[in-house]
């Protein structure tokens, strides 16, 4: 074993914090079992890390991107979406905003992106906009609220799903702005919404001025993807109903 390869092996042991091995490096460096030991430790820690990141992300049921039906939308930029899976947007701290009607695959794509990030070693968190805003609004003003916002600032990728389905009340625009501002140009947000930006004043009627500032930070250096399609869920529901109807007719 060359000196350079030993140096690399020592660096791997240090990265794993195998301090007992490092302390006795001169004695064990040439042992044939050392390389296999480090490989086993790397593999096991990688497996445990993936399990932990997957559990923390709370992605629930998801499907891989190859299962997305690209023939269904009337308008969708497939190349742009597939390009996101290189995860350059994470490195650049660039937000991803998916805009389109309900049932057009926005959540499908957002979850698949978060899963790709988790597999690549990044931390992620998926949450609906209503759950997020209700959670923040329930915190008393002060240190408790600051800690809760910090919790949502920790993941390297934060997915906020379904912004715009219900008009918010109270100070929710301010709370979301605070979170977006804290992550701004540091860590990306993947956001799905059924509302065009021109309609966000309806989402946050209590503070439309804050909504403007919110949009300004979200869209700066962002990938904005519009999906124009009818609801795929309704399409599947109609197909299931037709299948059941045909099955009943055969039994007659």
Protein backbone atom coordinates (compact mmCIF):
# COMPACT_ATOMS: atom_id res chain seq x y z
CA UNK A 1 0.00 0.00 0.00
CA UNK A 2 1.49 3.34 -1.05
CA UNK A 3 1.84 6.27 1.31
CA UNK A 4 -0.71 8.28 -0.63
CA UNK A 5 -3.32 5.56 -0.29
CA UNK A 6 -2.57 5.31 3.42
CA UNK A 7 -3.10 9.04 3.76
CA UNK A 8 -6.47 8.72 2.03
CA UNK A 9 -7.41 5.83 4.30
CA UNK A 10 -6.43 7.87 7.37
CA UNK A 11 -8.57 10.78 6.16
CA UNK A 12 -11.53 8.42 5.77
CA UNK A 13 -10.98 7.12 9.31
CA UNK A 14 -10.82 10.69 10.61
CA UNK A 15 -14.03 11.59 8.77
CA UNK A 16 -15.68 8.64 10.54
CA UNK A 17 -14.17 9.80 13.86
CA UNK A 18 -12.55 6.45 14.50
CA UNK A 19 -10.31 8.02 17.12
CA UNK A 20 -9.14 4.71 18.58
CA UNK A 21 -7.88 3.67 15.13
CA UNK A 22 -6.26 7.07 14.59
CA UNK A 23 -4.55 6.94 18.00
CA UNK A 24 -2.92 3.63 17.06
CA UNK A 25 -2.49 4.38 13.37
CA UNK A 26 1.16 3.31 13.13
CA UNK A 27 0.26 -0.11 14.51
CA UNK A 28 -2.86 -0.78 12.45
CA UNK A 29 -2.26 1.09 9.17
CA UNK A 30 -0.87 -2.00 7.40
CA UNK A 31 -3.41 -4.46 8.81
CA UNK A 32 -5.41 -6.17 6.02
CA UNK A 33 -8.70 -5.78 7.91
CA UNK A 34 -8.46 -1.97 8.23
CA UNK A 35 -9.75 -1.05 4.78
CA UNK A 36 -12.71 -3.43 5.08
CA UNK A 37 -13.52 -2.06 8.55
CA UNK A 38 -13.64 1.50 7.21
CA UNK A 39 -15.77 0.41 4.22
CA UNK A 40 -18.25 -1.33 6.53
CA UNK A 41 -18.46 1.72 8.78
CA UNK A 42 -19.00 4.07 5.81
CA UNK A 43 -21.72 1.86 4.37
CA UNK A 44 -23.56 1.48 7.68
CA UNK A 45 -23.40 5.17 8.50
CA UNK A 46 -24.57 5.99 5.00
CA UNK A 47 -27.54 3.66 5.38
CA UNK A 48 -28.46 5.03 8.81
CA UNK A 49 -28.06 8.60 7.57
CA UNK A 50 -30.40 7.97 4.65
CA UNK A 51 -32.98 6.42 6.96
CA UNK A 52 -32.75 9.38 9.33
CA UNK A 53 -33.03 11.99 6.55
CA UNK A 54 -35.96 10.13 4.98
CA UNK A 55 -37.79 9.95 8.30
CA UNK A 56 -37.17 13.63 9.05
CA UNK A 57 -38.29 14.74 5.57
CA UNK A 58 -41.82 13.39 6.19
CA UNK A 59 -42.46 12.83 2.50
CA UNK A 60 -45.15 10.22 3.01
CA UNK A 61 -46.30 8.40 -0.10
CA UNK A 62 -44.30 9.39 -3.18
CA UNK A 63 -43.59 8.21 -6.70
CA UNK A 64 -40.36 8.43 -8.70
CA UNK A 65 -40.24 10.98 -11.52
CA UNK A 66 -40.26 8.31 -14.30
CA UNK A 67 -43.89 7.58 -13.32
CA UNK A 68 -44.98 11.14 -14.15
CA UNK A 69 -47.32 11.16 -17.17
CA UNK A 70 -45.74 13.81 -19.40
CA UNK A 71 -48.42 13.34 -22.04
CA UNK A 72 -51.19 14.60 -19.77
CA UNK A 73 -50.40 18.33 -19.27
CA UNK A 74 -51.25 20.71 -22.08
CA UNK A 75 -48.16 22.71 -21.15
CA UNK A 76 -45.14 21.68 -19.09
CA UNK A 77 -41.40 22.18 -19.55
CA UNK A 78 -40.12 18.65 -19.12
CA UNK A 79 -36.50 19.61 -19.76
CA UNK A 80 -36.61 22.29 -17.08
CA UNK A 81 -38.14 19.93 -14.52
CA UNK A 82 -35.75 17.07 -15.24
CA UNK A 83 -32.87 19.54 -15.01
CA UNK A 84 -33.83 20.30 -11.41
CA UNK A 85 -32.90 16.76 -10.42
CA UNK A 86 -29.21 17.61 -10.82
CA UNK A 87 -29.85 19.54 -7.57
CA UNK A 88 -27.91 22.57 -8.76
CA UNK A 89 -30.71 24.68 -7.30
CA UNK A 90 -29.72 23.41 -3.83
CA UNK A 91 -26.10 24.44 -4.31
CA UNK A 92 -27.20 27.82 -5.65
CA UNK A 93 -29.87 28.31 -2.94
CA UNK A 94 -32.34 29.01 -5.75
CA UNK A 95 -36.03 28.50 -4.99
CA UNK A 96 -38.29 26.30 -7.11
CA UNK A 97 -41.89 27.45 -7.61
CA UNK A 98 -44.43 25.12 -9.21
CA UNK A 99 -47.59 26.89 -10.34
CA UNK A 100 -50.73 25.21 -11.66
CA UNK A 101 -54.26 24.02 -10.92
CA UNK A 102 -55.03 21.29 -8.41
CA UNK A 103 -54.22 17.74 -9.46
CA UNK A 104 -51.61 18.58 -12.10
CA UNK A 105 -48.58 16.94 -10.46
CA UNK A 106 -47.02 19.81 -8.52
CA UNK A 107 -46.83 17.88 -5.26
CA UNK A 108 -45.63 14.78 -7.15
CA UNK A 109 -42.67 16.72 -8.55
CA UNK A 110 -41.93 18.57 -5.30
CA UNK A 111 -41.79 15.33 -3.29
CA UNK A 112 -39.63 13.64 -5.93
CA UNK A 113 -37.21 16.58 -5.77
CA UNK A 114 -37.04 16.40 -1.98
CA UNK A 115 -36.42 12.66 -2.14
CA UNK A 116 -33.63 13.16 -4.67
CA UNK A 117 -32.05 15.66 -2.28
CA UNK A 118 -32.33 13.21 0.63
CA UNK A 119 -30.67 10.43 -1.38
CA UNK A 120 -27.88 12.85 -2.33
CA UNK A 121 -27.15 13.54 1.34
CA UNK A 122 -29.11 16.75 1.91
CA UNK A 123 -31.65 17.24 4.67
CA UNK A 124 -35.22 18.04 3.60
CA UNK A 125 -38.65 18.71 5.09
CA UNK A 126 -42.07 18.51 3.45
CA UNK A 127 -45.03 20.40 4.93
CA UNK A 128 -48.27 21.89 3.66
CA UNK A 129 -48.61 25.66 3.77
CA UNK A 130 -51.63 25.46 6.07
CA UNK A 131 -49.83 23.18 8.53
CA UNK A 132 -46.76 25.43 8.49
CA UNK A 133 -48.64 28.70 8.97
CA UNK A 134 -50.94 27.27 11.65
CA UNK A 135 -47.91 25.95 13.51
CA UNK A 136 -46.11 29.30 13.40
CA UNK A 137 -49.25 31.25 14.29
CA UNK A 138 -49.83 29.06 17.35
CA UNK A 139 -46.49 30.06 18.88
CA UNK A 140 -46.40 32.91 21.38
CA UNK A 141 -44.49 35.93 20.14
CA UNK A 142 -40.92 35.88 21.38
CA UNK A 143 -38.35 33.16 21.85
CA UNK A 144 -40.81 30.30 21.22
CA UNK A 145 -41.70 31.68 17.79
CA UNK A 146 -38.05 32.34 16.99
CA UNK A 147 -37.16 28.75 17.83
CA UNK A 148 -40.01 27.39 15.73
CA UNK A 149 -38.96 29.47 12.70
CA UNK A 150 -35.39 28.26 13.24
CA UNK A 151 -36.66 24.68 13.08
CA UNK A 152 -37.95 25.30 9.55
CA UNK A 153 -34.71 27.03 8.62
CA UNK A 154 -32.60 23.97 9.41
CA UNK A 155 -33.44 21.67 6.47
CA UNK A 156 -31.33 22.30 3.41
CA UNK A 157 -34.46 21.88 1.26
CA UNK A 158 -37.85 23.01 2.55
CA UNK A 159 -40.96 22.02 0.57
CA UNK A 160 -44.05 24.16 1.23
CA UNK A 161 -47.03 22.56 -0.46
CA UNK A 162 -50.42 23.96 -1.51
CA UNK A 163 -49.98 27.66 -0.84
CA UNK A 164 -53.11 29.46 -1.94
CA UNK A 165 -55.91 26.97 -1.36
CA UNK A 166 -57.27 28.89 1.61
CA UNK A 167 -57.06 32.61 2.32
CA UNK A 168 -55.04 33.16 5.47
CA UNK A 169 -55.96 35.24 8.46
CA UNK A 170 -54.07 37.12 11.15
CA UNK A 171 -50.35 37.65 10.75
CA UNK A 172 -49.60 34.66 8.55
CA UNK A 173 -48.13 36.74 5.73
CA UNK A 174 -45.65 38.26 8.19
CA UNK A 175 -44.74 34.83 9.55
CA UNK A 176 -44.16 33.34 6.12
CA UNK A 177 -42.15 36.38 5.10
CA UNK A 178 -39.95 35.97 8.18
CA UNK A 179 -39.25 32.34 7.29
CA UNK A 180 -38.59 33.10 3.61
CA UNK A 181 -36.37 36.01 4.56
CA UNK A 182 -34.35 33.84 6.95
CA UNK A 183 -33.74 31.26 4.22
CA UNK A 184 -33.23 33.87 1.49
CA UNK A 185 -30.09 33.18 -0.58
CA UNK A 186 -28.98 30.61 2.02
CA UNK A 187 -31.22 27.57 1.57
CA UNK A 188 -33.86 26.91 -1.11
CA UNK A 189 -37.61 26.56 -0.79
CA UNK A 190 -39.63 24.35 -3.13
CA UNK A 191 -43.11 25.87 -3.25
CA UNK A 192 -46.28 24.64 -4.93
CA UNK A 193 -49.25 26.94 -5.47
CA UNK A 194 -52.46 27.07 -7.45
CA UNK A 195 -52.40 30.87 -7.51
CA UNK A 196 -50.66 33.14 -9.99
CA UNK A 197 -48.51 35.75 -8.27
CA UNK A 198 -51.07 38.42 -9.21
CA UNK A 199 -53.57 36.59 -6.97
CA UNK A 200 -51.42 36.37 -3.86
CA UNK A 201 -53.07 39.46 -2.39
CA UNK A 202 -56.18 37.25 -2.12
CA UNK A 203 -54.16 34.62 -0.26
CA UNK A 204 -52.92 37.16 2.28
CA UNK A 205 -55.70 39.77 2.38
CA UNK A 206 -54.58 40.95 5.81
CA UNK A 207 -51.24 42.20 4.46
CA UNK A 208 -51.03 42.51 0.68
CA UNK A 209 -47.94 44.74 0.95
CA UNK A 210 -46.12 41.93 2.75
CA UNK A 211 -47.24 39.54 0.00
CA UNK A 212 -45.46 41.72 -2.56
CA UNK A 213 -42.22 41.62 -0.56
CA UNK A 214 -42.67 37.87 -0.08
CA UNK A 215 -42.98 37.29 -3.82
CA UNK A 216 -39.95 39.49 -4.46
CA UNK A 217 -37.71 37.28 -2.34
CA UNK A 218 -39.20 34.01 -3.53
CA UNK A 219 -38.84 34.72 -7.25
CA UNK A 220 -35.35 36.24 -7.04
CA UNK A 221 -33.00 33.64 -8.52
CA UNK A 222 -35.84 31.10 -8.73
CA UNK A 223 -36.88 28.35 -11.12
CA UNK A 224 -40.55 29.06 -11.91
CA UNK A 225 -42.45 26.24 -13.59
CA UNK A 226 -46.02 26.53 -14.84
CA UNK A 227 -48.11 23.41 -15.43
CA UNK A 228 -51.27 23.73 -17.50
CA UNK A 229 -53.47 20.65 -17.28
CA UNK A 230 -56.77 19.30 -16.08
CA UNK A 231 -56.77 17.41 -12.81
CA UNK A 232 -55.05 14.05 -13.23
CA UNK A 233 -56.80 12.81 -10.09
CA UNK A 234 -60.17 13.45 -11.71
CA UNK A 235 -58.97 11.63 -14.82
CA UNK A 236 -57.98 8.58 -12.72
CA UNK A 237 -61.28 8.71 -10.82
CA UNK A 238 -63.25 8.65 -14.09
CA UNK A 239 -61.14 5.76 -15.38
CA UNK A 240 -61.73 3.76 -12.17
CA UNK A 241 -65.47 4.44 -12.35
CA UNK A 242 -65.55 3.29 -15.97
CA UNK A 243 -63.59 0.13 -15.12
CA UNK A 244 -66.00 -0.72 -12.28
CA UNK A 245 -68.98 -0.08 -14.55
CA UNK A 246 -67.63 -2.44 -17.22
CA UNK A 247 -66.89 -5.11 -14.58
CA UNK A 248 -70.48 -4.95 -13.31
CA UNK A 249 -71.85 -5.21 -16.84
CA UNK A 250 -69.80 -8.37 -17.46
CA UNK A 251 -71.29 -10.03 -14.38
CA UNK A 252 -74.83 -9.52 -15.62
